Amino acid sequence: MAVVALVSSIMMTYKGGRVYLGIGSDPFGRDLIVGTLIGIPTALAGAICAYMALYGRGWDFFRVTSIVLLASNLLVPLSWVVMLLIKTA
């Protein structure tokens, strides 16, 4: 579930981020709304799923994969913070 959340939130963030930065055009702002109001919570839900998958496991392949997915899912909201800093600079 964490992989699906990561991929879908990246796709939503990419389209919404282009509109937010003014690179792409969306006359109704749907991509921006989907990217912020759906993409960020989806990434956070993926991070929670990855955390739950690694909780209580020993150091094996699944724990390392879950840690990578946890960090990757948390990078999506961080990308919106970076885009906000780019937009205000």
Protein backbone atom coordinates (compact mmCIF):
# COMPACT_ATOMS: atom_id res chain seq x y z
CA MET A 1 0.00 0.00 0.00
CA ALA A 2 2.89 2.34 0.71
CA VAL A 3 4.19 1.91 -2.86
CA VAL A 4 0.81 2.70 -4.39
CA ALA A 5 0.44 5.75 -2.13
CA LEU A 6 3.92 6.93 -3.09
CA VAL A 7 3.37 6.59 -6.83
CA SER A 8 -0.06 8.21 -6.80
CA SER A 9 1.04 11.11 -4.59
CA ILE A 10 4.07 11.73 -6.81
CA MET A 11 1.84 11.88 -9.89
CA MET A 12 -0.58 14.26 -8.18
CA THR A 13 2.24 16.42 -6.81
CA TYR A 14 3.95 16.63 -10.18
CA LYS A 15 0.88 17.95 -11.97
CA GLY A 16 -0.17 20.22 -9.10
CA GLY A 17 3.35 21.50 -8.55
CA ARG A 18 3.68 22.57 -12.17
CA VAL A 19 0.47 24.58 -11.85
CA TYR A 20 1.56 26.03 -8.47
CA LEU A 21 4.90 27.19 -9.83
CA GLY A 22 3.27 28.66 -12.93
CA ILE A 23 4.93 26.27 -15.40
CA GLY A 24 1.73 24.49 -16.42
CA SER A 25 -1.70 25.91 -16.95
CA ASP A 26 -4.94 24.69 -15.45
CA PRO A 27 -7.83 27.13 -15.85
CA PHE A 28 -9.88 25.71 -12.98
CA GLY A 29 -7.01 24.82 -10.61
CA ARG A 30 -8.06 21.19 -10.31
CA ASP A 31 -4.51 19.85 -10.48
CA LEU A 32 -3.42 22.22 -7.72
CA ILE A 33 -6.28 21.18 -5.46
CA VAL A 34 -5.70 17.48 -6.13
CA GLY A 35 -1.98 17.87 -5.52
CA THR A 36 -2.36 19.64 -2.19
CA LEU A 37 -5.58 18.32 -0.69
CA ILE A 38 -5.28 14.72 -1.88
CA GLY A 39 -1.59 14.19 -2.72
CA ILE A 40 -0.16 15.27 0.64
CA PRO A 41 -2.57 13.19 2.79
CA THR A 42 -2.04 10.20 0.49
CA ALA A 43 1.71 10.44 1.01
CA LEU A 44 1.25 10.73 4.76
CA ALA A 45 -1.03 7.68 4.74
CA GLY A 46 1.65 5.80 2.79
CA ALA A 47 4.21 6.82 5.39
CA ILE A 48 1.97 5.50 8.15
CA CYS A 49 1.52 2.21 6.27
CA ALA A 50 5.29 1.90 5.84
CA TYR A 51 5.83 2.61 9.52
CA MET A 52 3.29 -0.02 10.50
CA ALA A 53 5.02 -2.52 8.21
CA LEU A 54 8.40 -2.02 9.87
CA TYR A 55 7.12 -1.91 13.43
CA GLY A 56 8.27 -4.94 15.43
CA ARG A 57 10.38 -6.54 12.68
CA GLY A 58 14.01 -7.51 12.83
CA TRP A 59 16.55 -6.12 10.42
CA ASP A 60 15.69 -7.84 7.18
CA PHE A 61 14.82 -6.91 3.62
CA PHE A 62 11.26 -5.86 4.49
CA ARG A 63 12.35 -3.52 7.25
CA VAL A 64 14.89 -1.80 5.03
CA THR A 65 12.30 -1.52 2.24
CA SER A 66 9.79 -0.06 4.68
CA ILE A 67 12.29 2.53 5.88
CA VAL A 68 13.00 3.56 2.29
CA LEU A 69 9.27 3.82 1.57
CA LEU A 70 8.69 5.78 4.77
CA ALA A 71 11.37 8.30 3.82
CA SER A 72 10.16 8.49 0.23
CA ASN A 73 6.57 9.13 1.27
CA LEU A 74 7.68 11.88 3.64
CA LEU A 75 9.61 13.56 0.83
CA VAL A 76 6.37 14.39 -1.00
CA PRO A 77 5.09 16.89 1.63
CA LEU A 78 8.65 18.20 1.88
CA SER A 79 8.59 18.89 -1.85
CA TRP A 80 5.57 21.15 -1.33
CA VAL A 81 7.54 23.05 1.32
CA VAL A 82 10.41 23.46 -1.14
CA MET A 83 7.98 24.65 -3.84
CA LEU A 84 6.55 27.16 -1.36
CA LEU A 85 10.06 28.47 -0.68
CA ILE A 86 10.76 28.68 -4.42
CA LYS A 87 7.52 30.56 -5.01
CA THR A 88 8.13 33.09 -2.21
CA ALA A 89 11.79 33.71 -3.10
